[in-house]
Amino acid sequence: MTGRELAQKVLANINKVIVGKEETARLLLTAMLADGHVLLEDVPGTGKTKMAKTLARSLSAEYTRIQFTPDLLPSDITGLNIYDRQKNEFVLRKGPVFTNILLADEINRATPRTQAGLLECMEERQVTIDGETYVPGKPFFVIATQNPVETAGTFPLPEAQMDRFMMKLSMGLPGREEELQIMDRYMEKEPLLDLASVLSLEELNQAKSEANQVFVHTCIREYMVDIVEATRKGDSIVMGVSPRGTLSFLRCVKAYAYLQGRNFATPDDVKAVAVPVLAHRIVLSYSYGKGNDTRALVAQILDSIPVPTEDFGV
């Protein structure tokens, strides 16, 4: 199966449930193939949780959901050892991170201590419980959601944890025609209930390996570095993109090119993933603004840097 065939197969399945968000679904799939995690941020009711569930159902993978609340503890995520009186020993009760796809719903409602419980899992792909190290799942993909409007009783994610997310995406509100399609589709039943998986874990892991082999020409890499360096310059910028962000940028470009059916990357692939991969890693001074202004900044950077024109497949 080629990358384009894989993309068409999975996206067509997602489109049976989600209306008009094909590019968001493509970027989610890109992050998964690039071995990263995604933060979905938008107002309530735009389909963040449903998108995560639909992607999980499209794959033959284990899926777990955690509803983050202020009283959630790190052990509620990772698990803990419980004494078994019959066996006269401690037995590990695994937490919800022992899965393939983890939905961290409303992640900003948990305390920083609990949020930090995900850090090791997301970055190191391992869980440490009472000094013992375990592997959560292979693959392990976190989709976290948060509501940017309601701030009462929430704990904003610190920059260190934001940097762990490969992409930050937004669903956005549907247009008039899309909203009519949503009403028609959900008129009589919930389409998610009848959704079948179209991709096995073996096929997914094979696709991840093939995506990692995509060729990125030197001029494309230099173009990407120019973009990253531009995020670190300017009086309005407090913090630019880190080297971790640069590597995430590279992996996403390769995965996006793979889903287009190519074995080499082009500047269009770079432009397609630049904003969702880089914008949330930038911190601006209060004099400039905050929030979506970082997305506008990355867009300005893309417009200002010359695009290479070489033969990218050589």
C-alpha atoms as a PDB file:
ATOM      1  CA  MET A   1       0.000   0.000   0.000  1.00  0.00           C
ATOM      2  CA  THR A   2       1.404   3.388  -1.000  1.00  0.00           C
ATOM      3  CA  GLY A   3       1.214   6.452   1.204  1.00  0.00           C
ATOM      4  CA  ARG A   4      -1.445   8.016  -1.009  1.00  0.00           C
ATOM      5  CA  GLU A   5      -3.570   4.861  -0.876  1.00  0.00           C
ATOM      6  CA  LEU A   6      -3.231   4.729   2.907  1.00  0.00           C
ATOM      7  CA  ALA A   7      -4.275   8.380   3.205  1.00  0.00           C
ATOM      8  CA  GLN A   8      -7.276   7.911   0.908  1.00  0.00           C
ATOM      9  CA  LYS A   9      -8.356   4.809   2.793  1.00  0.00           C
ATOM     10  CA  VAL A  10      -8.204   6.340   6.272  1.00  0.00           C
ATOM     11  CA  LEU A  11      -9.483   9.798   5.305  1.00  0.00           C
ATOM     12  CA  ALA A  12     -12.446   8.321   3.426  1.00  0.00           C
ATOM     13  CA  ASN A  13     -13.337   6.373   6.555  1.00  0.00           C
ATOM     14  CA  ILE A  14     -13.072   9.480   8.750  1.00  0.00           C
ATOM     15  CA  ASN A  15     -15.224  11.433   6.276  1.00  0.00           C
ATOM     16  CA  LYS A  16     -18.072   9.006   6.964  1.00  0.00           C
ATOM     17  CA  VAL A  17     -18.355  10.621  10.405  1.00  0.00           C
ATOM     18  CA  ILE A  18     -16.635  14.022  10.287  1.00  0.00           C
ATOM     19  CA  VAL A  19     -17.820  16.562   7.699  1.00  0.00           C
ATOM     20  CA  GLY A  20     -15.459  18.984   5.979  1.00  0.00           C
ATOM     21  CA  LYS A  21     -12.322  18.526   8.096  1.00  0.00           C
ATOM     22  CA  GLU A  22     -10.172  16.502   5.718  1.00  0.00           C
ATOM     23  CA  GLU A  23      -7.048  18.649   6.137  1.00  0.00           C
ATOM     24  CA  THR A  24      -7.292  18.433   9.940  1.00  0.00           C
ATOM     25  CA  ALA A  25      -7.644  14.649   9.651  1.00  0.00           C
ATOM     26  CA  ARG A  26      -4.674  14.525   7.258  1.00  0.00           C
ATOM     27  CA  LEU A  27      -2.528  16.468   9.726  1.00  0.00           C
ATOM     28  CA  LEU A  28      -3.597  14.138  12.546  1.00  0.00           C
ATOM     29  CA  LEU A  29      -2.545  11.166  10.451  1.00  0.00           C
ATOM     30  CA  THR A  30       0.698  12.960   9.593  1.00  0.00           C
ATOM     31  CA  ALA A  31       1.523  13.422  13.282  1.00  0.00           C
ATOM     32  CA  MET A  32       0.770   9.768  13.970  1.00  0.00           C
ATOM     33  CA  LEU A  33       3.090   8.583  11.179  1.00  0.00           C
ATOM     34  CA  ALA A  34       5.730  11.040  12.419  1.00  0.00           C
ATOM     35  CA  ASP A  35       5.526   9.417  15.882  1.00  0.00           C
ATOM     36  CA  GLY A  36       4.268  12.564  17.615  1.00  0.00           C
ATOM     37  CA  HIS A  37       1.278  13.797  19.608  1.00  0.00           C
ATOM     38  CA  VAL A  38      -1.441  16.354  18.870  1.00  0.00           C
ATOM     39  CA  LEU A  39      -3.185  19.059  20.895  1.00  0.00           C
ATOM     40  CA  LEU A  40      -6.681  19.855  19.592  1.00  0.00           C
ATOM     41  CA  GLU A  41      -7.773  23.272  20.823  1.00  0.00           C
ATOM     42  CA  ASP A  42     -11.180  24.748  20.028  1.00  0.00           C
ATOM     43  CA  VAL A  43     -14.476  25.846  21.539  1.00  0.00           C
ATOM     44  CA  PRO A  44     -16.872  23.143  22.825  1.00  0.00           C
ATOM     45  CA  GLY A  45     -18.979  21.213  20.360  1.00  0.00           C
ATOM     46  CA  THR A  46     -16.740  21.474  17.287  1.00  0.00           C
ATOM     47  CA  GLY A  47     -16.013  17.716  17.147  1.00  0.00           C
ATOM     48  CA  LYS A  48     -12.612  17.430  18.852  1.00  0.00           C
ATOM     49  CA  THR A  49     -13.475  14.281  20.809  1.00  0.00           C
ATOM     50  CA  LYS A  50     -15.404  12.769  17.900  1.00  0.00           C
ATOM     51  CA  MET A  51     -12.433  13.311  15.574  1.00  0.00           C
ATOM     52  CA  ALA A  52     -10.159  11.468  18.013  1.00  0.00           C
ATOM     53  CA  LYS A  53     -12.635   8.602  18.395  1.00  0.00           C
ATOM     54  CA  THR A  54     -13.131   8.348  14.630  1.00  0.00           C
ATOM     55  CA  LEU A  55      -9.388   8.113  13.981  1.00  0.00           C
ATOM     56  CA  ALA A  56      -9.044   5.455  16.666  1.00  0.00           C
ATOM     57  CA  ARG A  57     -11.911   3.404  15.214  1.00  0.00           C
ATOM     58  CA  SER A  58     -10.355   3.620  11.760  1.00  0.00           C
ATOM     59  CA  LEU A  59      -7.352   1.713  13.092  1.00  0.00           C
ATOM     60  CA  SER A  60      -7.223  -1.743  14.606  1.00  0.00           C
ATOM     61  CA  ALA A  61      -5.698  -0.259  17.750  1.00  0.00           C
ATOM     62  CA  GLU A  62      -6.451  -0.065  21.454  1.00  0.00           C
ATOM     63  CA  TYR A  63      -8.126   3.185  22.431  1.00  0.00           C
ATOM     64  CA  THR A  64      -8.519   4.784  25.868  1.00  0.00           C
ATOM     65  CA  ARG A  65     -10.075   8.049  27.011  1.00  0.00           C
ATOM     66  CA  ILE A  66      -9.241  10.023  30.157  1.00  0.00           C
ATOM     67  CA  GLN A  67     -11.496  12.836  31.344  1.00  0.00           C
ATOM     68  CA  PHE A  68      -9.104  15.261  33.019  1.00  0.00           C
ATOM     69  CA  THR A  69     -10.445  16.893  36.210  1.00  0.00           C
ATOM     70  CA  PRO A  70      -8.819  18.900  39.037  1.00  0.00           C
ATOM     71  CA  ASP A  71      -8.842  15.883  41.380  1.00  0.00           C
ATOM     72  CA  LEU A  72      -7.171  13.506  38.879  1.00  0.00           C
ATOM     73  CA  LEU A  73      -3.883  12.046  40.171  1.00  0.00           C
ATOM     74  CA  PRO A  74      -0.791  10.943  38.191  1.00  0.00           C
ATOM     75  CA  SER A  75      -1.413   7.345  39.289  1.00  0.00           C
ATOM     76  CA  ASP A  76      -4.879   7.560  37.721  1.00  0.00           C
ATOM     77  CA  ILE A  77      -3.052   7.945  34.405  1.00  0.00           C
ATOM     78  CA  THR A  78      -0.035   5.664  34.757  1.00  0.00           C
ATOM     79  CA  GLY A  79      -1.392   3.030  37.133  1.00  0.00           C
ATOM     80  CA  LEU A  80      -0.083   1.790  40.483  1.00  0.00           C
ATOM     81  CA  ASN A  81       0.892  -1.309  42.429  1.00  0.00           C
ATOM     82  CA  ILE A  82      -1.876  -2.672  44.671  1.00  0.00           C
ATOM     83  CA  TYR A  83      -1.369  -5.261  47.378  1.00  0.00           C
ATOM     84  CA  ASP A  84      -3.106  -8.562  46.618  1.00  0.00           C
ATOM     85  CA  ARG A  85      -3.881 -10.333  49.884  1.00  0.00           C
ATOM     86  CA  GLN A  86      -4.526 -13.672  48.205  1.00  0.00           C
ATOM     87  CA  LYS A  87      -1.208 -13.680  46.346  1.00  0.00           C
ATOM     88  CA  ASN A  88       0.574 -11.947  49.238  1.00  0.00           C
ATOM     89  CA  GLU A  89       2.315  -9.590  46.814  1.00  0.00           C
ATOM     90  CA  PHE A  90       1.906  -6.281  45.034  1.00  0.00           C
ATOM     91  CA  VAL A  91       0.196  -6.471  41.629  1.00  0.00           C
ATOM     92  CA  LEU A  92       0.398  -3.786  38.963  1.00  0.00           C
ATOM     93  CA  ARG A  93      -2.925  -2.265  37.990  1.00  0.00           C
ATOM     94  CA  LYS A  94      -2.167  -0.621  34.671  1.00  0.00           C
ATOM     95  CA  GLY A  95      -3.503   2.837  33.962  1.00  0.00           C
ATOM     96  CA  PRO A  96      -5.117   4.106  30.752  1.00  0.00           C
ATOM     97  CA  VAL A  97      -1.726   5.034  29.216  1.00  0.00           C
ATOM     98  CA  PHE A  98      -1.201   1.357  28.431  1.00  0.00           C
ATOM     99  CA  THR A  99      -2.862   1.690  25.052  1.00  0.00           C
ATOM    100  CA  ASN A 100      -2.164   2.722  21.452  1.00  0.00           C
ATOM    101  CA  ILE A 101      -4.314   5.851  21.140  1.00  0.00           C
ATOM    102  CA  LEU A 102      -4.962   7.927  24.246  1.00  0.00           C
ATOM    103  CA  LEU A 103      -7.526  10.723  24.285  1.00  0.00           C
ATOM    104  CA  ALA A 104      -6.676  13.207  27.041  1.00  0.00           C
ATOM    105  CA  ASP A 105      -9.948  15.112  27.139  1.00  0.00           C
ATOM    106  CA  GLU A 106      -9.818  18.675  28.529  1.00  0.00           C
ATOM    107  CA  ILE A 107      -6.210  18.235  29.590  1.00  0.00           C
ATOM    108  CA  ASN A 108      -5.976  21.767  30.983  1.00  0.00           C
ATOM    109  CA  ARG A 109      -8.525  20.941  33.714  1.00  0.00           C
ATOM    110  CA  ALA A 110      -5.982  18.770  35.569  1.00  0.00           C
ATOM    111  CA  THR A 111      -3.334  20.149  37.943  1.00  0.00           C
ATOM    112  CA  PRO A 112       0.256  20.635  36.703  1.00  0.00           C
ATOM    113  CA  ARG A 113       1.327  17.615  38.772  1.00  0.00           C
ATOM    114  CA  THR A 114      -1.101  15.379  36.890  1.00  0.00           C
ATOM    115  CA  GLN A 115      -0.294  16.968  33.534  1.00  0.00           C
ATOM    116  CA  ALA A 116       3.363  16.145  34.209  1.00  0.00           C
ATOM    117  CA  GLY A 117       2.360  12.502  34.602  1.00  0.00           C
ATOM    118  CA  LEU A 118       2.018  12.387  30.831  1.00  0.00           C
ATOM    119  CA  LEU A 119       5.420  13.949  30.105  1.00  0.00           C
ATOM    120  CA  GLU A 120       7.509  10.784  30.416  1.00  0.00           C
ATOM    121  CA  CYS A 121       4.944   8.755  28.482  1.00  0.00           C
ATOM    122  CA  MET A 122       4.802  11.250  25.623  1.00  0.00           C
ATOM    123  CA  GLU A 123       8.507  11.964  25.280  1.00  0.00           C
ATOM    124  CA  GLU A 124      10.226   8.736  26.349  1.00  0.00           C
ATOM    125  CA  ARG A 125       7.476   6.267  25.380  1.00  0.00           C
ATOM    126  CA  GLN A 126       7.815   4.650  28.782  1.00  0.00           C
ATOM    127  CA  VAL A 127       6.095   4.607  32.181  1.00  0.00           C
ATOM    128  CA  THR A 128       7.940   4.361  35.507  1.00  0.00           C
ATOM    129  CA  ILE A 129       5.931   2.967  38.432  1.00  0.00           C
ATOM    130  CA  ASP A 130       7.690   2.357  41.770  1.00  0.00           C
ATOM    131  CA  GLY A 131      11.066   2.258  40.040  1.00  0.00           C
ATOM    132  CA  GLU A 132       9.995  -0.224  37.352  1.00  0.00           C
ATOM    133  CA  THR A 133       9.824   0.873  33.710  1.00  0.00           C
ATOM    134  CA  TYR A 134       7.087  -0.264  31.334  1.00  0.00           C
ATOM    135  CA  VAL A 135       6.209   0.405  27.697  1.00  0.00           C
ATOM    136  CA  PRO A 136       2.733   2.004  27.364  1.00  0.00           C
ATOM    137  CA  GLY A 137       1.951   0.765  23.840  1.00  0.00           C
ATOM    138  CA  LYS A 138       3.425   0.533  20.387  1.00  0.00           C
ATOM    139  CA  PRO A 139       2.496   2.757  18.700  1.00  0.00           C
ATOM    140  CA  PHE A 140       1.558   5.271  21.407  1.00  0.00           C
ATOM    141  CA  PHE A 141      -0.304   8.350  20.206  1.00  0.00           C
ATOM    142  CA  VAL A 142      -1.792  11.055  22.459  1.00  0.00           C
ATOM    143  CA  ILE A 143      -4.585  13.342  21.278  1.00  0.00           C
ATOM    144  CA  ALA A 144      -5.239  15.992  23.925  1.00  0.00           C
ATOM    145  CA  THR A 145      -8.107  18.472  23.777  1.00  0.00           C
ATOM    146  CA  GLN A 146      -8.659  21.782  25.520  1.00  0.00           C
ATOM    147  CA  ASN A 147     -11.122  24.661  25.457  1.00  0.00           C
ATOM    148  CA  PRO A 148      -9.361  28.036  25.027  1.00  0.00           C
ATOM    149  CA  VAL A 149     -12.402  30.109  26.013  1.00  0.00           C
ATOM    150  CA  GLU A 150     -13.424  28.749  29.416  1.00  0.00           C
ATOM    151  CA  THR A 151     -10.563  29.489  31.821  1.00  0.00           C
ATOM    152  CA  ALA A 152     -12.286  29.032  35.222  1.00  0.00           C
ATOM    153  CA  GLY A 153     -10.876  25.998  37.023  1.00  0.00           C
ATOM    154  CA  THR A 154      -8.200  25.331  34.399  1.00  0.00           C
ATOM    155  CA  PHE A 155      -4.407  25.100  34.526  1.00  0.00           C
ATOM    156  CA  PRO A 156      -2.698  26.347  31.337  1.00  0.00           C
ATOM    157  CA  LEU A 157      -0.163  23.938  29.866  1.00  0.00           C
ATOM    158  CA  PRO A 158       3.403  25.135  30.510  1.00  0.00           C
ATOM    159  CA  GLU A 159       5.776  25.698  27.591  1.00  0.00           C
ATOM    160  CA  ALA A 160       7.697  22.508  28.476  1.00  0.00           C
ATOM    161  CA  GLN A 161       4.597  20.387  27.914  1.00  0.00           C
ATOM    162  CA  MET A 162       3.402  22.351  24.890  1.00  0.00           C
ATOM    163  CA  ASP A 163       6.736  21.517  23.285  1.00  0.00           C
ATOM    164  CA  ARG A 164       5.938  17.803  23.706  1.00  0.00           C
ATOM    165  CA  PHE A 165       3.045  18.126  21.279  1.00  0.00           C
ATOM    166  CA  MET A 166       4.164  17.751  17.694  1.00  0.00           C
ATOM    167  CA  MET A 167       1.178  19.717  16.387  1.00  0.00           C
ATOM    168  CA  LYS A 168      -1.497  22.034  17.693  1.00  0.00           C
ATOM    169  CA  LEU A 169      -4.649  21.892  15.581  1.00  0.00           C
ATOM    170  CA  SER A 170      -8.065  23.506  15.573  1.00  0.00           C
ATOM    171  CA  MET A 171     -11.282  22.021  14.204  1.00  0.00           C
ATOM    172  CA  GLY A 172     -12.978  25.318  13.380  1.00  0.00           C
ATOM    173  CA  LEU A 173     -16.701  25.920  12.910  1.00  0.00           C
ATOM    174  CA  PRO A 174     -18.408  24.476   9.815  1.00  0.00           C
ATOM    175  CA  GLY A 175     -19.792  26.531   6.957  1.00  0.00           C
ATOM    176  CA  ARG A 176     -23.456  26.629   6.028  1.00  0.00           C
ATOM    177  CA  GLU A 177     -23.307  23.726   3.544  1.00  0.00           C
ATOM    178  CA  GLU A 178     -21.193  21.626   5.941  1.00  0.00           C
ATOM    179  CA  GLU A 179     -23.662  22.210   8.760  1.00  0.00           C
ATOM    180  CA  LEU A 180     -26.507  21.041   6.535  1.00  0.00           C
ATOM    181  CA  GLN A 181     -24.505  17.898   5.700  1.00  0.00           C
ATOM    182  CA  ILE A 182     -23.956  17.292   9.411  1.00  0.00           C
ATOM    183  CA  MET A 183     -27.699  17.485  10.061  1.00  0.00           C
ATOM    184  CA  ASP A 184     -28.439  15.082   7.193  1.00  0.00           C
ATOM    185  CA  ARG A 185     -25.769  12.620   8.292  1.00  0.00           C
ATOM    186  CA  TYR A 186     -26.917  12.527  11.906  1.00  0.00           C
ATOM    187  CA  MET A 187     -30.645  12.673  11.135  1.00  0.00           C
ATOM    188  CA  GLU A 188     -31.397   9.031  11.949  1.00  0.00           C
ATOM    189  CA  LYS A 189     -28.321   7.467  13.557  1.00  0.00           C
ATOM    190  CA  GLU A 190     -24.808   7.974  14.911  1.00  0.00           C
ATOM    191  CA  PRO A 191     -22.427   7.059  12.025  1.00  0.00           C
ATOM    192  CA  LEU A 192     -19.538   6.430  14.434  1.00  0.00           C
ATOM    193  CA  LEU A 193     -21.292   3.323  15.787  1.00  0.00           C
ATOM    194  CA  ASP A 194     -21.120   1.576  12.403  1.00  0.00           C
ATOM    195  CA  LEU A 195     -17.550   2.605  11.576  1.00  0.00           C
ATOM    196  CA  ALA A 196     -15.147  -0.264  10.895  1.00  0.00           C
ATOM    197  CA  SER A 197     -11.352  -0.222  11.041  1.00  0.00           C
ATOM    198  CA  VAL A 198      -9.521   0.028   7.712  1.00  0.00           C
ATOM    199  CA  LEU A 199      -5.881  -0.117   8.843  1.00  0.00           C
ATOM    200  CA  SER A 200      -4.126  -2.712  11.000  1.00  0.00           C
ATOM    201  CA  LEU A 201      -1.334  -1.975  13.465  1.00  0.00           C
ATOM    202  CA  GLU A 202       1.091  -3.878  11.235  1.00  0.00           C
ATOM    203  CA  GLU A 203       0.180  -1.680   8.259  1.00  0.00           C
ATOM    204  CA  LEU A 204       0.478   1.445  10.416  1.00  0.00           C
ATOM    205  CA  ASN A 205       3.931   0.497  11.695  1.00  0.00           C
ATOM    206  CA  GLN A 206       5.025  -0.342   8.154  1.00  0.00           C
ATOM    207  CA  ALA A 207       3.762   3.050   6.960  1.00  0.00           C
ATOM    208  CA  LYS A 208       5.675   4.802   9.758  1.00  0.00           C
ATOM    209  CA  SER A 209       8.851   3.041   8.670  1.00  0.00           C
ATOM    210  CA  GLU A 210       8.308   3.979   5.012  1.00  0.00           C
ATOM    211  CA  ALA A 211       7.502   7.601   5.890  1.00  0.00           C
ATOM    212  CA  ASN A 212      10.767   7.832   7.803  1.00  0.00           C
ATOM    213  CA  GLN A 213      12.648   6.899   4.610  1.00  0.00           C
ATOM    214  CA  VAL A 214      11.328   9.882   2.625  1.00  0.00           C
ATOM    215  CA  PHE A 215      14.187  11.861   1.080  1.00  0.00           C
ATOM    216  CA  VAL A 216      14.624  15.501   2.145  1.00  0.00           C
ATOM    217  CA  HIS A 217      16.989  17.436  -0.116  1.00  0.00           C
ATOM    218  CA  THR A 218      19.695  19.617   1.445  1.00  0.00           C
ATOM    219  CA  CYS A 219      18.072  22.782   0.081  1.00  0.00           C
ATOM    220  CA  ILE A 220      14.768  21.784   1.721  1.00  0.00           C
ATOM    221  CA  ARG A 221      16.523  21.239   5.051  1.00  0.00           C
ATOM    222  CA  GLU A 222      18.246  24.627   4.715  1.00  0.00           C
ATOM    223  CA  TYR A 223      14.855  26.195   3.928  1.00  0.00           C
ATOM    224  CA  MET A 224      13.420  24.635   7.084  1.00  0.00           C
ATOM    225  CA  VAL A 225      16.325  25.873   9.217  1.00  0.00           C
ATOM    226  CA  ASP A 226      15.856  29.391   7.826  1.00  0.00           C
ATOM    227  CA  ILE A 227      12.226  29.249   8.942  1.00  0.00           C
ATOM    228  CA  VAL A 228      13.136  27.969  12.412  1.00  0.00           C
ATOM    229  CA  GLU A 229      15.871  30.567  12.879  1.00  0.00           C
ATOM    230  CA  ALA A 230      13.430  33.332  11.929  1.00  0.00           C
ATOM    231  CA  THR A 231      11.203  32.273  14.849  1.00  0.00           C
ATOM    232  CA  ARG A 232      14.074  33.070  17.237  1.00  0.00           C
ATOM    233  CA  LYS A 233      14.701  36.608  16.034  1.00  0.00           C
ATOM    234  CA  GLY A 234      12.795  39.830  16.627  1.00  0.00           C
ATOM    235  CA  ASP A 235      12.027  42.132  19.535  1.00  0.00           C
ATOM    236  CA  SER A 236       8.550  40.662  19.963  1.00  0.00           C
ATOM    237  CA  ILE A 237       9.790  37.065  20.367  1.00  0.00           C
ATOM    238  CA  VAL A 238      10.542  35.831  23.884  1.00  0.00           C
ATOM    239  CA  MET A 239      11.134  32.196  22.908  1.00  0.00           C
ATOM    240  CA  GLY A 240      11.477  30.634  19.468  1.00  0.00           C
ATOM    241  CA  VAL A 241      11.312  27.055  18.192  1.00  0.00           C
ATOM    242  CA  SER A 242      13.569  24.589  20.012  1.00  0.00           C
ATOM    243  CA  PRO A 243      15.745  21.892  18.395  1.00  0.00           C
ATOM    244  CA  ARG A 244      13.033  19.404  19.414  1.00  0.00           C
ATOM    245  CA  GLY A 245      10.653  21.481  17.317  1.00  0.00           C
ATOM    246  CA  THR A 246      13.084  21.382  14.383  1.00  0.00           C
ATOM    247  CA  LEU A 247      13.186  17.577  14.492  1.00  0.00           C
ATOM    248  CA  SER A 248       9.391  17.428  14.771  1.00  0.00           C
ATOM    249  CA  PHE A 249       9.230  19.743  11.756  1.00  0.00           C
ATOM    250  CA  LEU A 250      11.464  17.379   9.773  1.00  0.00           C
ATOM    251  CA  ARG A 251       9.489  14.249  10.695  1.00  0.00           C
ATOM    252  CA  CYS A 252       6.180  15.904   9.824  1.00  0.00           C
ATOM    253  CA  VAL A 253       7.460  17.095   6.444  1.00  0.00           C
ATOM    254  CA  LYS A 254       8.533  13.533   5.620  1.00  0.00           C
ATOM    255  CA  ALA A 255       5.237  12.037   6.778  1.00  0.00           C
ATOM    256  CA  TYR A 256       3.155  14.636   4.903  1.00  0.00           C
ATOM    257  CA  ALA A 257       5.128  13.994   1.700  1.00  0.00           C
ATOM    258  CA  TYR A 258       4.595  10.246   2.174  1.00  0.00           C
ATOM    259  CA  LEU A 259       0.823  10.731   2.438  1.00  0.00           C
ATOM    260  CA  GLN A 260       0.953  12.665  -0.844  1.00  0.00           C
ATOM    261  CA  GLY A 261       2.386   9.542  -2.488  1.00  0.00           C
ATOM    262  CA  ARG A 262       5.958  10.824  -2.889  1.00  0.00           C
ATOM    263  CA  ASN A 263       9.279   9.505  -1.634  1.00  0.00           C
ATOM    264  CA  PHE A 264      10.777  13.001  -1.467  1.00  0.00           C
ATOM    265  CA  ALA A 265       9.738  16.261   0.199  1.00  0.00           C
ATOM    266  CA  THR A 266       8.950  19.586  -1.494  1.00  0.00           C
ATOM    267  CA  PRO A 267       8.537  23.178  -0.217  1.00  0.00           C
ATOM    268  CA  ASP A 268       4.755  22.685  -0.352  1.00  0.00           C
ATOM    269  CA  ASP A 269       5.077  19.970   2.298  1.00  0.00           C
ATOM    270  CA  VAL A 270       7.067  22.376   4.464  1.00  0.00           C
ATOM    271  CA  LYS A 271       4.430  25.097   4.113  1.00  0.00           C
ATOM    272  CA  ALA A 272       1.587  22.671   4.820  1.00  0.00           C
ATOM    273  CA  VAL A 273       2.894  21.641   8.257  1.00  0.00           C
ATOM    274  CA  ALA A 274       4.840  24.751   9.332  1.00  0.00           C
ATOM    275  CA  VAL A 275       2.050  26.564  11.189  1.00  0.00           C
ATOM    276  CA  PRO A 276       0.608  23.580  13.159  1.00  0.00           C
ATOM    277  CA  VAL A 277       4.116  22.333  14.058  1.00  0.00           C
ATOM    278  CA  LEU A 278       5.857  25.614  14.909  1.00  0.00           C
ATOM    279  CA  ALA A 279       3.305  28.223  16.053  1.00  0.00           C
ATOM    280  CA  HIS A 280       2.518  26.765  19.497  1.00  0.00           C
ATOM    281  CA  ARG A 281       6.232  26.610  20.375  1.00  0.00           C
ATOM    282  CA  ILE A 282       6.696  30.373  20.032  1.00  0.00           C
ATOM    283  CA  VAL A 283       6.241  32.741  22.976  1.00  0.00           C
ATOM    284  CA  LEU A 284       5.635  36.420  22.179  1.00  0.00           C
ATOM    285  CA  SER A 285       6.001  39.465  24.388  1.00  0.00           C
ATOM    286  CA  TYR A 286       2.846  41.091  25.736  1.00  0.00           C
ATOM    287  CA  SER A 287       3.477  44.084  23.496  1.00  0.00           C
ATOM    288  CA  TYR A 288       2.904  41.898  20.409  1.00  0.00           C
ATOM    289  CA  GLY A 289      -0.012  39.782  21.561  1.00  0.00           C
ATOM    290  CA  LYS A 290      -0.667  36.128  22.253  1.00  0.00           C
ATOM    291  CA  GLY A 291      -2.565  33.064  21.075  1.00  0.00           C
ATOM    292  CA  ASN A 292      -3.234  32.913  17.348  1.00  0.00           C
ATOM    293  CA  ASP A 293      -0.782  35.758  16.700  1.00  0.00           C
ATOM    294  CA  THR A 294       1.974  33.123  16.629  1.00  0.00           C
ATOM    295  CA  ARG A 295       0.184  31.458  13.708  1.00  0.00           C
ATOM    296  CA  ALA A 296       0.168  34.787  11.864  1.00  0.00           C
ATOM    297  CA  LEU A 297       3.859  35.210  12.680  1.00  0.00           C
ATOM    298  CA  VAL A 298       4.769  31.836  11.156  1.00  0.00           C
ATOM    299  CA  ALA A 299       2.687  32.687   8.072  1.00  0.00           C
ATOM    300  CA  GLN A 300       4.607  35.972   7.733  1.00  0.00           C
ATOM    301  CA  ILE A 301       7.899  34.116   8.031  1.00  0.00           C
ATOM    302  CA  LEU A 302       6.857  31.688   5.271  1.00  0.00           C
ATOM    303  CA  ASP A 303       6.025  34.656   3.012  1.00  0.00           C
ATOM    304  CA  SER A 304       9.352  36.381   3.691  1.00  0.00           C
ATOM    305  CA  ILE A 305      11.788  33.491   3.112  1.00  0.00           C
ATOM    306  CA  PRO A 306      12.760  32.582  -0.484  1.00  0.00           C
ATOM    307  CA  VAL A 307      11.510  29.179  -1.590  1.00  0.00           C
ATOM    308  CA  PRO A 308      14.094  26.785  -3.107  1.00  0.00           C
ATOM    309  CA  THR A 309      13.487  25.640  -6.690  1.00  0.00           C
ATOM    310  CA  GLU A 310      15.917  22.744  -7.172  1.00  0.00           C
ATOM    311  CA  ASP A 311      15.092  19.195  -8.252  1.00  0.00           C
ATOM    312  CA  PHE A 312      14.021  17.908  -4.848  1.00  0.00           C
ATOM    313  CA  GLY A 313      13.978  14.235  -5.747  1.00  0.00           C
ATOM    314  CA  VAL A 314      17.726  14.060  -6.478  1.00  0.00           C
END
